[in-house]
Amino acid sequence: MSNATTNPPVRTADIALLIPVFKDQAGLERTLQSLGGQGIAFDIVIVDDGSPTPITAPAEAAGQRVVLLPMPANGGITKALNFGLAHIRAQGYPFTARLDAGDTLHPGRLLAQFEAFRDNPALQLCGCYVRYVNPDGTEVGIAKVPLASDKIRNAIHYRTAFFHPTVMFRTAVFDSVGVYNETFRQAQDYELFMRIVKRFETRNLPVAYVDYELADDAISTRQARKQAKNIVRACLMNFRPLYWGSYFGVLRRLPNLVLERRHTMKLKSLLRIVR
């Protein structure tokens, strides 16, 4: 595999697709193979988060330019995201989209999100549904999220309102709210989304444009308690005393702080608690 440029020229598109990766060359290659049919030009910005065996990438994928940004040492996903954002902002990309190594992008997602921003100049963040799949590709189900900005603004206090690998930002929003909070090694996306929804218009598209693979070694599985702790922390930082959802958002995550993930998932299934 030929190497993408590590000293990139000026951007060649309006959209940067940001993909952080650590020790997952195979997952990255699967993801790069899924990027066709987007209907719009974009640059692919890959951040190698200090992998022991350096990540390699082609100069192009799906006909789009690839930029590979190696970090000098492993810093964790939050630092990797900000490392990539620093490049994206410096290059002046108007839009920043997200995807994770190992996930599969469906045709048309980037164009659909770009059109949503084009049609609504006030829109700052746009996501969509995801399709959960097993490692063998078998569909588990479609995970839905609130669609309209007012619904998102309330729901985010007690349930998932965006799936991180599905979102596209208007890059200028980071000038207003800041980048990912590096004190959050987990749930950094949730904390950032809460900052954005408080001040700006957001939405989700009612289409599952991303396949998210359910794997036992996912961060949300291996570090479920730390994830829950940081979600509760973000909820408390953005607590609305007169809104019931703020209380429910904290209370429903308390089991995650003391129980193993398999037990909390069973409890949620029995009680049918929204994710």
Protein backbone atom coordinates (compact mmCIF):
# COMPACT_ATOMS: atom_id res chain seq x y z
CA MET A 1 0.00 0.00 0.00
CA SER A 2 1.45 3.36 -0.98
CA ASN A 3 1.64 6.02 1.69
CA ALA A 4 -0.62 9.05 1.77
CA THR A 5 1.06 12.40 2.04
CA THR A 6 2.17 13.51 5.50
CA ASN A 7 2.97 17.05 4.28
CA PRO A 8 -0.31 17.85 2.58
CA PRO A 9 -0.91 20.75 0.20
CA VAL A 10 -3.87 23.09 0.49
CA ARG A 11 -7.23 21.34 0.75
CA THR A 12 -8.85 20.07 -2.43
CA ALA A 13 -12.48 19.87 -1.21
CA ASP A 14 -14.89 21.57 1.20
CA ILE A 15 -15.36 18.47 3.38
CA ALA A 16 -12.74 16.76 5.51
CA LEU A 17 -13.62 13.23 6.66
CA LEU A 18 -11.77 12.75 9.95
CA ILE A 19 -10.81 9.17 10.86
CA PRO A 20 -8.65 8.53 13.95
CA VAL A 21 -7.07 5.09 14.18
CA PHE A 22 -4.93 3.19 16.67
CA LYS A 23 -3.58 -0.28 15.94
CA ASP A 24 -6.37 -1.10 13.50
CA GLN A 25 -4.88 -1.26 10.02
CA ALA A 26 -7.41 -3.88 8.90
CA GLY A 27 -10.36 -1.86 10.18
CA LEU A 28 -9.11 1.26 8.44
CA GLU A 29 -8.73 -0.60 5.15
CA ARG A 30 -12.31 -1.90 5.39
CA THR A 31 -13.54 1.62 6.03
CA LEU A 32 -11.58 3.12 3.13
CA GLN A 33 -13.08 0.52 0.81
CA SER A 34 -16.59 1.70 1.79
CA LEU A 35 -16.20 5.37 0.89
CA GLY A 36 -17.46 5.32 -2.68
CA GLY A 37 -20.67 6.80 -4.02
CA GLN A 38 -20.79 9.89 -1.82
CA GLY A 39 -21.80 12.20 -4.67
CA ILE A 40 -19.49 14.97 -3.52
CA ALA A 41 -15.74 15.56 -3.26
CA PHE A 42 -14.03 15.23 0.12
CA ASP A 43 -10.56 14.82 1.58
CA ILE A 44 -9.88 11.92 3.95
CA VAL A 45 -7.87 12.95 7.01
CA ILE A 46 -6.50 9.95 8.89
CA VAL A 47 -4.84 10.44 12.28
CA ASP A 48 -2.54 7.63 13.38
CA ASP A 49 -2.67 7.86 17.17
CA GLY A 50 0.89 6.65 17.73
CA SER A 51 0.30 3.03 16.64
CA PRO A 52 3.32 0.79 17.51
CA THR A 53 3.34 -0.36 13.90
CA PRO A 54 2.69 2.84 11.95
CA ILE A 55 -0.55 2.97 10.02
CA THR A 56 -0.24 3.11 6.24
CA ALA A 57 -2.78 4.49 3.78
CA PRO A 58 -3.06 4.94 0.01
CA ALA A 59 -2.66 8.35 -1.59
CA GLU A 60 -6.30 8.10 -2.66
CA ALA A 61 -9.36 6.11 -1.63
CA ALA A 62 -12.62 6.00 -3.60
CA GLY A 63 -11.08 8.65 -5.84
CA GLN A 64 -10.60 11.09 -2.95
CA ARG A 65 -7.31 12.42 -1.61
CA VAL A 66 -5.97 10.89 1.60
CA VAL A 67 -3.94 12.83 4.17
CA LEU A 68 -2.18 10.74 6.83
CA LEU A 69 -1.25 12.59 10.02
CA PRO A 70 0.96 10.53 12.37
CA MET A 71 1.01 11.58 16.01
CA PRO A 72 4.44 11.35 17.68
CA ALA A 73 3.04 9.19 20.49
CA ASN A 74 -0.24 7.59 21.52
CA GLY A 75 -2.42 10.21 23.18
CA GLY A 76 -5.88 8.65 23.13
CA ILE A 77 -8.82 9.37 20.87
CA THR A 78 -9.59 12.82 22.28
CA LYS A 79 -6.10 14.12 21.54
CA ALA A 80 -6.14 12.38 18.16
CA LEU A 81 -9.39 14.10 17.22
CA ASN A 82 -8.03 17.50 18.21
CA PHE A 83 -4.81 16.77 16.32
CA GLY A 84 -6.85 16.15 13.19
CA LEU A 85 -9.07 19.15 13.82
CA ALA A 86 -6.03 21.42 14.09
CA HIS A 87 -5.05 20.42 10.54
CA ILE A 88 -8.62 20.71 9.24
CA ARG A 89 -9.11 24.18 10.71
CA ALA A 90 -5.71 25.38 9.52
CA GLN A 91 -6.54 24.22 5.99
CA GLY A 92 -9.88 26.05 6.08
CA TYR A 93 -12.28 23.17 5.43
CA PRO A 94 -15.84 24.52 5.83
CA PHE A 95 -17.15 21.10 6.93
CA THR A 96 -15.78 18.31 9.10
CA ALA A 97 -17.32 14.84 8.97
CA ARG A 98 -16.53 11.93 11.28
CA LEU A 99 -16.07 8.22 10.82
CA ASP A 100 -14.26 5.56 12.83
CA ALA A 101 -11.89 2.93 11.52
CA GLY A 102 -13.84 -0.30 11.13
CA ASP A 103 -17.16 1.40 10.37
CA THR A 104 -18.79 1.28 6.95
CA LEU A 105 -20.05 4.39 5.18
CA HIS A 106 -23.13 4.06 2.97
CA PRO A 107 -23.40 5.90 -0.36
CA GLY A 108 -24.84 9.40 -0.30
CA ARG A 109 -24.28 10.31 3.35
CA LEU A 110 -21.84 13.18 2.84
CA LEU A 111 -23.90 14.73 0.06
CA ALA A 112 -27.11 14.48 2.11
CA GLN A 113 -25.47 16.20 5.07
CA PHE A 114 -23.84 18.85 2.87
CA GLU A 115 -27.25 19.63 1.37
CA ALA A 116 -28.75 19.93 4.86
CA PHE A 117 -26.15 22.57 5.72
CA ARG A 118 -26.62 24.31 2.37
CA ASP A 119 -30.37 24.50 2.90
CA ASN A 120 -30.09 25.83 6.48
CA PRO A 121 -27.28 28.33 7.13
CA ALA A 122 -28.03 28.19 10.88
CA LEU A 123 -27.35 24.45 11.09
CA GLN A 124 -24.06 23.61 12.86
CA LEU A 125 -24.21 19.85 13.47
CA CYS A 126 -25.91 17.08 11.51
CA GLY A 127 -25.97 13.34 12.21
CA CYS A 128 -28.06 10.35 11.18
CA TYR A 129 -29.19 6.88 12.23
CA VAL A 130 -26.80 3.91 12.37
CA ARG A 131 -27.17 0.26 11.47
CA TYR A 132 -25.70 -2.05 14.11
CA VAL A 133 -24.01 -5.12 12.67
CA ASN A 134 -22.16 -8.12 14.08
CA PRO A 135 -18.52 -8.72 13.07
CA ASP A 136 -19.80 -11.05 10.32
CA GLY A 137 -21.92 -8.24 8.86
CA THR A 138 -25.26 -9.54 10.11
CA GLU A 139 -27.66 -6.72 10.86
CA VAL A 140 -28.64 -6.39 14.52
CA GLY A 141 -30.94 -3.42 14.10
CA ILE A 142 -31.32 0.25 13.26
CA ALA A 143 -30.52 2.69 16.06
CA LYS A 144 -32.54 5.88 15.85
CA VAL A 145 -32.00 9.32 17.36
CA PRO A 146 -34.16 12.45 17.65
CA LEU A 147 -34.38 14.38 14.39
CA ALA A 148 -35.30 18.01 15.11
CA SER A 149 -33.18 20.54 16.98
CA ASP A 150 -35.67 21.16 19.79
CA LYS A 151 -36.09 17.44 20.40
CA ILE A 152 -32.32 16.92 20.38
CA ARG A 153 -31.75 19.78 22.83
CA ASN A 154 -33.96 18.08 25.41
CA ALA A 155 -33.21 14.42 24.69
CA ILE A 156 -29.43 14.74 24.91
CA HIS A 157 -29.72 15.06 28.69
CA TYR A 158 -30.97 11.50 29.10
CA ARG A 159 -30.26 9.53 25.91
CA THR A 160 -28.05 9.31 22.86
CA ALA A 161 -28.81 12.23 20.55
CA PHE A 162 -25.97 11.73 18.03
CA PHE A 163 -23.80 8.82 16.99
CA HIS A 164 -20.28 10.18 16.78
CA PRO A 165 -19.20 8.35 13.56
CA THR A 166 -22.25 9.79 11.74
CA VAL A 167 -21.87 13.50 12.36
CA MET A 168 -20.81 16.40 10.19
CA PHE A 169 -19.95 19.78 11.71
CA ARG A 170 -19.81 23.21 10.23
CA THR A 171 -16.14 23.66 11.11
CA ALA A 172 -16.66 27.24 12.27
CA VAL A 173 -18.64 25.93 15.25
CA PHE A 174 -15.34 25.04 16.93
CA ASP A 175 -14.45 28.74 16.94
CA SER A 176 -17.50 29.31 19.13
CA VAL A 177 -17.61 26.29 21.46
CA GLY A 178 -14.02 25.04 21.39
CA VAL A 179 -12.73 21.61 20.39
CA TYR A 180 -12.96 18.26 22.22
CA ASN A 181 -12.35 18.58 25.95
CA GLU A 182 -9.11 16.68 26.61
CA THR A 183 -10.04 16.05 30.24
CA PHE A 184 -12.63 13.63 28.80
CA ARG A 185 -10.77 10.51 27.66
CA GLN A 186 -14.16 8.87 27.15
CA ALA A 187 -17.50 10.47 26.17
CA GLN A 188 -15.62 13.40 24.64
CA ASP A 189 -18.19 13.47 21.85
CA TYR A 190 -21.14 13.62 24.25
CA GLU A 191 -19.63 16.55 26.14
CA LEU A 192 -18.93 18.43 22.88
CA PHE A 193 -22.43 17.79 21.56
CA MET A 194 -23.93 19.20 24.76
CA ARG A 195 -21.98 22.42 24.28
CA ILE A 196 -23.18 22.72 20.70
CA VAL A 197 -26.89 21.94 21.20
CA LYS A 198 -27.19 24.57 23.95
CA ARG A 199 -26.29 27.34 21.53
CA PHE A 200 -26.91 26.20 17.98
CA GLU A 201 -29.31 24.46 15.64
CA THR A 202 -28.70 20.76 15.02
CA ARG A 203 -30.48 17.87 13.34
CA ASN A 204 -30.31 14.20 12.41
CA LEU A 205 -31.26 12.61 9.11
CA PRO A 206 -33.71 9.66 9.34
CA VAL A 207 -31.46 7.33 7.36
CA ALA A 208 -28.88 4.79 8.58
CA TYR A 209 -25.87 5.94 6.56
CA VAL A 210 -23.27 4.18 8.74
CA ASP A 211 -22.75 0.56 9.76
CA TYR A 212 -21.40 0.35 13.30
CA GLU A 213 -19.79 -2.96 14.18
CA LEU A 214 -20.59 -4.32 17.63
CA ALA A 215 -17.33 -5.74 18.98
CA ASP A 216 -16.39 -6.93 22.46
CA ASP A 217 -13.20 -4.87 22.48
CA ALA A 218 -14.91 -1.57 21.68
CA ILE A 219 -14.05 1.35 23.95
CA SER A 220 -17.63 1.46 25.26
CA THR A 221 -17.29 -2.19 26.32
CA ARG A 222 -13.76 -2.19 27.71
CA GLN A 223 -14.18 1.09 29.56
CA ALA A 224 -17.92 1.14 30.25
CA ARG A 225 -17.58 2.48 33.80
CA LYS A 226 -15.22 5.28 32.79
CA GLN A 227 -17.56 6.08 29.91
CA ALA A 228 -20.54 6.26 32.26
CA LYS A 229 -18.61 8.40 34.74
CA ASN A 230 -17.78 10.94 32.07
CA ILE A 231 -21.32 10.97 30.70
CA VAL A 232 -22.63 11.72 34.21
CA ARG A 233 -19.95 14.38 34.54
CA ALA A 234 -21.07 16.01 31.27
CA CYS A 235 -24.70 15.83 32.39
CA LEU A 236 -23.87 17.58 35.66
CA MET A 237 -21.85 20.27 33.85
CA ASN A 238 -24.93 21.00 31.71
CA PHE A 239 -27.60 20.31 34.34
CA ARG A 240 -30.97 22.06 33.95
CA PRO A 241 -32.55 22.09 37.45
CA LEU A 242 -36.08 22.68 36.15
CA TYR A 243 -35.97 19.91 33.54
CA TRP A 244 -36.85 16.31 34.50
CA GLY A 245 -34.56 14.92 31.80
CA SER A 246 -31.47 16.19 33.59
CA TYR A 247 -32.34 14.13 36.67
CA PHE A 248 -33.25 11.05 34.66
CA GLY A 249 -30.05 11.37 32.63
CA VAL A 250 -27.93 11.07 35.75
CA LEU A 251 -30.03 8.42 37.48
CA ARG A 252 -30.24 6.07 34.50
CA ARG A 253 -26.45 5.98 34.21
CA LEU A 254 -25.77 5.16 37.85
CA PRO A 255 -26.01 1.37 37.31
CA ASN A 256 -23.17 1.64 34.78
CA LEU A 257 -20.91 2.96 37.53
CA VAL A 258 -21.23 -0.18 39.63
CA LEU A 259 -22.36 -3.03 37.36
CA GLU A 260 -20.52 -4.82 34.56
CA ARG A 261 -21.65 -3.87 31.07
CA ARG A 262 -23.35 -7.22 30.35
CA HIS A 263 -25.53 -6.72 33.42
CA THR A 264 -26.48 -3.14 32.56
CA MET A 265 -27.34 -4.14 28.98
CA LYS A 266 -29.61 -6.89 30.33
CA LEU A 267 -31.21 -4.42 32.73
CA LYS A 268 -31.84 -1.92 29.93
CA SER A 269 -33.36 -4.66 27.81
CA LEU A 270 -35.69 -5.75 30.61
CA LEU A 271 -36.75 -2.22 31.40
CA ARG A 272 -36.71 -1.10 27.77
CA ILE A 273 -34.74 2.03 28.67
CA VAL A 274 -33.85 4.12 25.65
CA ARG A 275 -30.17 4.14 24.79
